[in-house]
C-alpha atoms as a PDB file:
ATOM      1  CA  UNK A   1     -40.566  22.826  33.146  1.00  0.00           C
ATOM      2  CA  UNK A   2     -42.004  25.817  31.302  1.00  0.00           C
ATOM      3  CA  UNK A   3     -43.440  28.619  33.410  1.00  0.00           C
ATOM      4  CA  UNK A   4     -45.168  30.883  30.885  1.00  0.00           C
ATOM      5  CA  UNK A   5     -47.131  29.005  28.211  1.00  0.00           C
ATOM      6  CA  UNK A   6     -49.810  30.146  25.771  1.00  0.00           C
ATOM      7  CA  UNK A   7     -52.244  27.825  23.978  1.00  0.00           C
ATOM      8  CA  UNK A   8     -53.976  28.618  20.677  1.00  0.00           C
ATOM      9  CA  UNK A   9     -56.861  26.151  20.359  1.00  0.00           C
ATOM     10  CA  UNK A  10     -60.431  26.947  19.279  1.00  0.00           C
ATOM     11  CA  UNK A  11     -62.063  23.695  20.428  1.00  0.00           C
ATOM     12  CA  UNK A  12     -62.999  24.293  24.031  1.00  0.00           C
ATOM     13  CA  UNK A  13     -62.669  20.682  25.227  1.00  0.00           C
ATOM     14  CA  UNK A  14     -59.204  20.352  23.688  1.00  0.00           C
ATOM     15  CA  UNK A  15     -58.258  23.732  25.147  1.00  0.00           C
ATOM     16  CA  UNK A  16     -59.322  22.709  28.648  1.00  0.00           C
ATOM     17  CA  UNK A  17     -57.612  19.318  28.309  1.00  0.00           C
ATOM     18  CA  UNK A  18     -54.360  20.943  27.251  1.00  0.00           C
ATOM     19  CA  UNK A  19     -54.413  23.339  30.183  1.00  0.00           C
ATOM     20  CA  UNK A  20     -55.175  20.498  32.607  1.00  0.00           C
ATOM     21  CA  UNK A  21     -52.288  18.408  31.249  1.00  0.00           C
ATOM     22  CA  UNK A  22     -49.906  21.339  31.565  1.00  0.00           C
ATOM     23  CA  UNK A  23     -51.035  22.109  35.101  1.00  0.00           C
ATOM     24  CA  UNK A  24     -50.538  18.448  36.052  1.00  0.00           C
ATOM     25  CA  UNK A  25     -46.971  18.783  34.793  1.00  0.00           C
ATOM     26  CA  UNK A  26     -46.332  21.825  36.965  1.00  0.00           C
ATOM     27  CA  UNK A  27     -47.021  24.646  34.505  1.00  0.00           C
ATOM     28  CA  UNK A  28     -48.779  27.384  36.512  1.00  0.00           C
ATOM     29  CA  UNK A  29     -52.000  28.685  34.903  1.00  0.00           C
ATOM     30  CA  UNK A  30     -51.179  28.410  31.186  1.00  0.00           C
ATOM     31  CA  UNK A  31     -52.626  31.276  29.154  1.00  0.00           C
ATOM     32  CA  UNK A  32     -54.855  30.593  26.162  1.00  0.00           C
ATOM     33  CA  UNK A  33     -56.741  32.078  23.232  1.00  0.00           C
ATOM     34  CA  UNK A  34     -59.295  30.640  20.843  1.00  0.00           C
ATOM     35  CA  UNK A  35     -57.956  32.338  17.702  1.00  0.00           C
ATOM     36  CA  UNK A  36     -54.592  33.052  16.115  1.00  0.00           C
ATOM     37  CA  UNK A  37     -54.872  36.848  16.025  1.00  0.00           C
ATOM     38  CA  UNK A  38     -55.618  37.093  19.720  1.00  0.00           C
ATOM     39  CA  UNK A  39     -52.748  34.701  20.452  1.00  0.00           C
ATOM     40  CA  UNK A  40     -50.343  36.888  18.498  1.00  0.00           C
ATOM     41  CA  UNK A  41     -51.600  39.985  20.311  1.00  0.00           C
ATOM     42  CA  UNK A  42     -50.939  38.296  23.649  1.00  0.00           C
ATOM     43  CA  UNK A  43     -47.440  37.322  22.562  1.00  0.00           C
ATOM     44  CA  UNK A  44     -46.764  40.893  21.481  1.00  0.00           C
ATOM     45  CA  UNK A  45     -48.045  42.250  24.814  1.00  0.00           C
ATOM     46  CA  UNK A  46     -46.012  39.733  26.817  1.00  0.00           C
ATOM     47  CA  UNK A  47     -42.880  41.026  25.119  1.00  0.00           C
ATOM     48  CA  UNK A  48     -43.774  44.663  25.772  1.00  0.00           C
ATOM     49  CA  UNK A  49     -44.414  43.769  29.426  1.00  0.00           C
ATOM     50  CA  UNK A  50     -41.036  42.000  29.562  1.00  0.00           C
ATOM     51  CA  UNK A  51     -42.800  38.749  30.510  1.00  0.00           C
ATOM     52  CA  UNK A  52     -42.324  36.653  27.346  1.00  0.00           C
ATOM     53  CA  UNK A  53     -43.886  33.241  26.913  1.00  0.00           C
ATOM     54  CA  UNK A  54     -41.623  30.193  27.089  1.00  0.00           C
ATOM     55  CA  UNK A  55     -43.783  28.035  24.828  1.00  0.00           C
ATOM     56  CA  UNK A  56     -46.516  28.371  22.220  1.00  0.00           C
ATOM     57  CA  UNK A  57     -48.834  25.384  21.704  1.00  0.00           C
ATOM     58  CA  UNK A  58     -51.109  25.719  18.697  1.00  0.00           C
ATOM     59  CA  UNK A  59     -53.460  23.733  16.512  1.00  0.00           C
ATOM     60  CA  UNK A  60     -52.974  23.950  12.749  1.00  0.00           C
ATOM     61  CA  UNK A  61     -56.577  24.504  11.702  1.00  0.00           C
ATOM     62  CA  UNK A  62     -59.162  26.883  13.161  1.00  0.00           C
ATOM     63  CA  UNK A  63     -62.895  27.232  12.532  1.00  0.00           C
ATOM     64  CA  UNK A  64     -64.003  30.525  10.915  1.00  0.00           C
ATOM     65  CA  UNK A  65     -65.126  32.959  13.603  1.00  0.00           C
ATOM     66  CA  UNK A  66     -67.514  34.953  11.425  1.00  0.00           C
ATOM     67  CA  UNK A  67     -65.206  37.938  10.962  1.00  0.00           C
ATOM     68  CA  UNK A  68     -62.203  38.759   8.832  1.00  0.00           C
ATOM     69  CA  UNK A  69     -59.035  37.283  10.302  1.00  0.00           C
ATOM     70  CA  UNK A  70     -55.506  38.206   9.341  1.00  0.00           C
ATOM     71  CA  UNK A  71     -54.025  34.855  10.332  1.00  0.00           C
ATOM     72  CA  UNK A  72     -55.560  31.851   8.561  1.00  0.00           C
ATOM     73  CA  UNK A  73     -53.937  29.015  10.490  1.00  0.00           C
ATOM     74  CA  UNK A  74     -51.427  27.862  13.063  1.00  0.00           C
ATOM     75  CA  UNK A  75     -48.534  27.834  10.606  1.00  0.00           C
ATOM     76  CA  UNK A  76     -49.015  31.541   9.915  1.00  0.00           C
ATOM     77  CA  UNK A  77     -49.216  32.182  13.661  1.00  0.00           C
ATOM     78  CA  UNK A  78     -45.948  30.340  14.278  1.00  0.00           C
ATOM     79  CA  UNK A  79     -44.160  32.246  11.529  1.00  0.00           C
ATOM     80  CA  UNK A  80     -45.186  35.651  12.878  1.00  0.00           C
ATOM     81  CA  UNK A  81     -44.692  34.657  16.515  1.00  0.00           C
ATOM     82  CA  UNK A  82     -41.133  33.574  15.796  1.00  0.00           C
ATOM     83  CA  UNK A  83     -40.605  36.834  13.932  1.00  0.00           C
ATOM     84  CA  UNK A  84     -41.516  38.668  17.135  1.00  0.00           C
ATOM     85  CA  UNK A  85     -39.723  36.244  19.453  1.00  0.00           C
ATOM     86  CA  UNK A  86     -37.152  34.087  17.617  1.00  0.00           C
ATOM     87  CA  UNK A  87     -36.366  31.981  20.676  1.00  0.00           C
ATOM     88  CA  UNK A  88     -39.979  31.033  21.367  1.00  0.00           C
ATOM     89  CA  UNK A  89     -40.446  27.273  21.666  1.00  0.00           C
ATOM     90  CA  UNK A  90     -43.317  25.963  19.539  1.00  0.00           C
ATOM     91  CA  UNK A  91     -45.384  22.789  19.730  1.00  0.00           C
ATOM     92  CA  UNK A  92     -48.141  21.889  17.265  1.00  0.00           C
ATOM     93  CA  UNK A  93     -51.075  19.854  18.586  1.00  0.00           C
ATOM     94  CA  UNK A  94     -53.267  18.817  15.661  1.00  0.00           C
ATOM     95  CA  UNK A  95     -55.265  15.962  14.119  1.00  0.00           C
ATOM     96  CA  UNK A  96     -53.288  16.355  10.877  1.00  0.00           C
ATOM     97  CA  UNK A  97     -51.337  13.166  10.109  1.00  0.00           C
ATOM     98  CA  UNK A  98     -49.936  13.701   6.594  1.00  0.00           C
ATOM     99  CA  UNK A  99     -46.119  13.782   6.568  1.00  0.00           C
ATOM    100  CA  UNK A 100     -46.200  16.175   3.593  1.00  0.00           C
ATOM    101  CA  UNK A 101     -47.911  18.733   5.864  1.00  0.00           C
ATOM    102  CA  UNK A 102     -45.976  17.983   9.055  1.00  0.00           C
ATOM    103  CA  UNK A 103     -42.430  17.850   7.683  1.00  0.00           C
ATOM    104  CA  UNK A 104     -42.307  21.496   6.439  1.00  0.00           C
ATOM    105  CA  UNK A 105     -43.274  22.652   9.930  1.00  0.00           C
ATOM    106  CA  UNK A 106     -39.946  21.281  11.154  1.00  0.00           C
ATOM    107  CA  UNK A 107     -37.897  22.097   8.061  1.00  0.00           C
ATOM    108  CA  UNK A 108     -39.226  25.577   7.311  1.00  0.00           C
ATOM    109  CA  UNK A 109     -40.823  26.911  10.513  1.00  0.00           C
ATOM    110  CA  UNK A 110     -38.398  25.073  12.823  1.00  0.00           C
ATOM    111  CA  UNK A 111     -41.034  23.973  15.310  1.00  0.00           C
ATOM    112  CA  UNK A 112     -39.810  22.066  18.346  1.00  0.00           C
ATOM    113  CA  UNK A 113     -42.452  19.370  18.448  1.00  0.00           C
ATOM    114  CA  UNK A 114     -45.603  17.933  16.916  1.00  0.00           C
ATOM    115  CA  UNK A 115     -48.217  15.868  18.757  1.00  0.00           C
ATOM    116  CA  UNK A 116     -51.121  14.366  16.876  1.00  0.00           C
ATOM    117  CA  UNK A 117     -54.586  14.491  18.426  1.00  0.00           C
ATOM    118  CA  UNK A 118     -55.333  10.798  18.731  1.00  0.00           C
ATOM    119  CA  UNK A 119     -55.527   7.960  21.218  1.00  0.00           C
ATOM    120  CA  UNK A 120     -52.714   8.322  23.738  1.00  0.00           C
ATOM    121  CA  UNK A 121     -52.089  11.979  22.942  1.00  0.00           C
ATOM    122  CA  UNK A 122     -51.886  12.963  26.624  1.00  0.00           C
ATOM    123  CA  UNK A 123     -48.849  10.728  27.080  1.00  0.00           C
ATOM    124  CA  UNK A 124     -47.357  11.967  23.799  1.00  0.00           C
ATOM    125  CA  UNK A 125     -47.885  15.547  24.913  1.00  0.00           C
ATOM    126  CA  UNK A 126     -46.039  14.932  28.168  1.00  0.00           C
ATOM    127  CA  UNK A 127     -43.194  13.206  26.329  1.00  0.00           C
ATOM    128  CA  UNK A 128     -42.988  16.100  23.869  1.00  0.00           C
ATOM    129  CA  UNK A 129     -42.866  18.737  26.594  1.00  0.00           C
ATOM    130  CA  UNK A 130     -40.142  16.872  28.461  1.00  0.00           C
ATOM    131  CA  UNK A 131     -38.042  16.693  25.308  1.00  0.00           C
ATOM    132  CA  UNK A 132     -38.611  20.301  24.311  1.00  0.00           C
ATOM    133  CA  UNK A 133     -37.639  21.583  27.748  1.00  0.00           C
ATOM    134  CA  UNK A 134     -34.326  19.723  27.209  1.00  0.00           C
ATOM    135  CA  UNK A 135     -33.923  21.534  23.860  1.00  0.00           C
ATOM    136  CA  UNK A 136     -34.704  18.355  21.904  1.00  0.00           C
ATOM    137  CA  UNK A 137     -37.108  17.914  18.989  1.00  0.00           C
ATOM    138  CA  UNK A 138     -40.195  15.732  19.259  1.00  0.00           C
ATOM    139  CA  UNK A 139     -41.348  14.139  15.995  1.00  0.00           C
ATOM    140  CA  UNK A 140     -44.696  12.309  15.780  1.00  0.00           C
ATOM    141  CA  UNK A 141     -44.792   8.585  15.108  1.00  0.00           C
ATOM    142  CA  UNK A 142     -46.400   9.168  11.716  1.00  0.00           C
ATOM    143  CA  UNK A 143     -43.433  11.221  10.556  1.00  0.00           C
ATOM    144  CA  UNK A 144     -40.854   8.881  12.061  1.00  0.00           C
ATOM    145  CA  UNK A 145     -42.475   5.843  10.433  1.00  0.00           C
ATOM    146  CA  UNK A 146     -42.837   7.569   7.072  1.00  0.00           C
ATOM    147  CA  UNK A 147     -39.213   8.710   7.165  1.00  0.00           C
ATOM    148  CA  UNK A 148     -38.028   5.203   7.963  1.00  0.00           C
ATOM    149  CA  UNK A 149     -40.100   3.841   5.089  1.00  0.00           C
ATOM    150  CA  UNK A 150     -38.852   6.511   2.689  1.00  0.00           C
ATOM    151  CA  UNK A 151     -35.296   5.588   3.604  1.00  0.00           C
ATOM    152  CA  UNK A 152     -35.952   2.132   2.150  1.00  0.00           C
ATOM    153  CA  UNK A 153     -35.681   3.659  -1.311  1.00  0.00           C
ATOM    154  CA  UNK A 154     -34.060   6.862  -2.586  1.00  0.00           C
ATOM    155  CA  UNK A 155     -36.428   8.273  -5.195  1.00  0.00           C
ATOM    156  CA  UNK A 156     -34.745   9.593  -8.338  1.00  0.00           C
ATOM    157  CA  UNK A 157     -36.215  12.186 -10.693  1.00  0.00           C
ATOM    158  CA  UNK A 158     -37.000   9.310 -13.064  1.00  0.00           C
ATOM    159  CA  UNK A 159     -38.876   7.440 -10.322  1.00  0.00           C
ATOM    160  CA  UNK A 160     -40.969  10.494  -9.524  1.00  0.00           C
ATOM    161  CA  UNK A 161     -41.919  10.941 -13.180  1.00  0.00           C
ATOM    162  CA  UNK A 162     -43.193   7.372 -13.368  1.00  0.00           C
ATOM    163  CA  UNK A 163     -45.188   7.673 -10.133  1.00  0.00           C
ATOM    164  CA  UNK A 164     -46.570  11.083 -11.132  1.00  0.00           C
ATOM    165  CA  UNK A 165     -47.833   9.648 -14.422  1.00  0.00           C
ATOM    166  CA  UNK A 166     -49.544   6.838 -12.523  1.00  0.00           C
ATOM    167  CA  UNK A 167     -51.037   9.347 -10.115  1.00  0.00           C
ATOM    168  CA  UNK A 168     -52.388  11.372 -13.050  1.00  0.00           C
ATOM    169  CA  UNK A 169     -54.227   8.295 -14.265  1.00  0.00           C
ATOM    170  CA  UNK A 170     -51.977   7.176 -17.087  1.00  0.00           C
ATOM    171  CA  UNK A 171     -52.170   3.384 -17.652  1.00  0.00           C
ATOM    172  CA  UNK A 172     -48.872   1.676 -16.906  1.00  0.00           C
ATOM    173  CA  UNK A 173     -48.773   0.244 -20.445  1.00  0.00           C
ATOM    174  CA  UNK A 174     -48.691   3.804 -21.888  1.00  0.00           C
ATOM    175  CA  UNK A 175     -45.877   5.186 -19.759  1.00  0.00           C
ATOM    176  CA  UNK A 176     -43.134   3.851 -22.047  1.00  0.00           C
ATOM    177  CA  UNK A 177     -44.603   5.762 -25.003  1.00  0.00           C
ATOM    178  CA  UNK A 178     -44.688   8.963 -22.926  1.00  0.00           C
ATOM    179  CA  UNK A 179     -41.063   8.508 -21.900  1.00  0.00           C
ATOM    180  CA  UNK A 180     -40.025   7.941 -25.517  1.00  0.00           C
ATOM    181  CA  UNK A 181     -41.939  10.987 -26.775  1.00  0.00           C
ATOM    182  CA  UNK A 182     -40.371  13.200 -24.123  1.00  0.00           C
ATOM    183  CA  UNK A 183     -36.867  11.756 -24.537  1.00  0.00           C
ATOM    184  CA  UNK A 184     -36.737  10.436 -20.983  1.00  0.00           C
ATOM    185  CA  UNK A 185     -34.404   7.479 -20.495  1.00  0.00           C
ATOM    186  CA  UNK A 186     -34.671   4.606 -20.009  1.00  0.00           C
ATOM    187  CA  UNK A 187     -37.854   4.642 -22.078  1.00  0.00           C
ATOM    188  CA  UNK A 188     -38.202   0.934 -22.831  1.00  0.00           C
ATOM    189  CA  UNK A 189     -41.249  -0.776 -21.388  1.00  0.00           C
ATOM    190  CA  UNK A 190     -39.194  -3.576 -19.838  1.00  0.00           C
ATOM    191  CA  UNK A 191     -36.751  -1.149 -18.174  1.00  0.00           C
ATOM    192  CA  UNK A 192     -39.551   1.074 -16.884  1.00  0.00           C
ATOM    193  CA  UNK A 193     -41.527  -1.842 -15.441  1.00  0.00           C
ATOM    194  CA  UNK A 194     -38.410  -3.333 -13.893  1.00  0.00           C
ATOM    195  CA  UNK A 195     -37.708  -0.017 -12.139  1.00  0.00           C
ATOM    196  CA  UNK A 196     -41.304   0.298 -10.966  1.00  0.00           C
ATOM    197  CA  UNK A 197     -41.288  -3.216  -9.560  1.00  0.00           C
ATOM    198  CA  UNK A 198     -37.963  -2.511  -7.831  1.00  0.00           C
ATOM    199  CA  UNK A 199     -39.461   0.547  -6.099  1.00  0.00           C
ATOM    200  CA  UNK A 200     -42.522  -1.384  -4.911  1.00  0.00           C
ATOM    201  CA  UNK A 201     -40.379  -4.263  -3.705  1.00  0.00           C
ATOM    202  CA  UNK A 202     -38.046  -1.932  -1.775  1.00  0.00           C
ATOM    203  CA  UNK A 203     -41.024  -0.188  -0.173  1.00  0.00           C
ATOM    204  CA  UNK A 204     -42.905  -3.446   0.523  1.00  0.00           C
ATOM    205  CA  UNK A 205     -45.853  -2.344  -1.619  1.00  0.00           C
ATOM    206  CA  UNK A 206     -47.918  -4.842  -3.576  1.00  0.00           C
ATOM    207  CA  UNK A 207     -49.577  -2.477  -6.053  1.00  0.00           C
ATOM    208  CA  UNK A 208     -49.247   0.886  -7.764  1.00  0.00           C
ATOM    209  CA  UNK A 209     -52.043   2.452  -5.715  1.00  0.00           C
ATOM    210  CA  UNK A 210     -50.102   2.014  -2.464  1.00  0.00           C
ATOM    211  CA  UNK A 211     -47.023   3.575  -4.029  1.00  0.00           C
ATOM    212  CA  UNK A 212     -48.942   6.571  -5.385  1.00  0.00           C
ATOM    213  CA  UNK A 213     -50.659   7.174  -2.036  1.00  0.00           C
ATOM    214  CA  UNK A 214     -47.354   7.025  -0.171  1.00  0.00           C
ATOM    215  CA  UNK A 215     -45.678   9.469  -2.557  1.00  0.00           C
ATOM    216  CA  UNK A 216     -48.569  11.888  -2.266  1.00  0.00           C
ATOM    217  CA  UNK A 217     -48.505  11.781   1.525  1.00  0.00           C
ATOM    218  CA  UNK A 218     -44.751  12.312   1.550  1.00  0.00           C
ATOM    219  CA  UNK A 219     -44.992  15.241  -0.860  1.00  0.00           C
ATOM    220  CA  UNK A 220     -42.829  13.475  -3.453  1.00  0.00           C
ATOM    221  CA  UNK A 221     -45.331  14.171  -6.242  1.00  0.00           C
END
């Protein structure tokens, strides 16, 4: 298990709960900070003292502290922390559930795990830590489920145009005219509606609103 852990969490109850969970798992006296800047300072000092942290656990969002802060959120903290210590393991612990927000943390910041603050999060946190210590990734259920659902249909550029028009409030009956005007094929009303119905059927959606919401959450539009 990890021996030198730092927690960035500005909600005191969540901070205490995290430390208690880590201690129960055998992590001796995990360090903590309530704001990103102080967390980064501690990481920098741990490196200068030749006692680097094994793991950074951070929330994504922090309440304003009433003074100017250089780091606005947990994502910025992770980016700079990994710049200082590329091998630092990182786990995000946040209430955020949107796949469009979570996925880039893995793809762009290369975090090692994400646990959502919700019912059963203590168990999820323990599972995540056990995986990360084995050099495995831990993806939240929300992202796994969304990925499985997205795999039911491979969205083309044409599909995204149709859904984006719906999301912008264009009536379905007017989409064919837009496609024709902009030389986007197939532009025929029958072909467009057939494609739209195919997408909803593949995704097990019954209406356009469900499709638009899904695509927004997945960052497809």
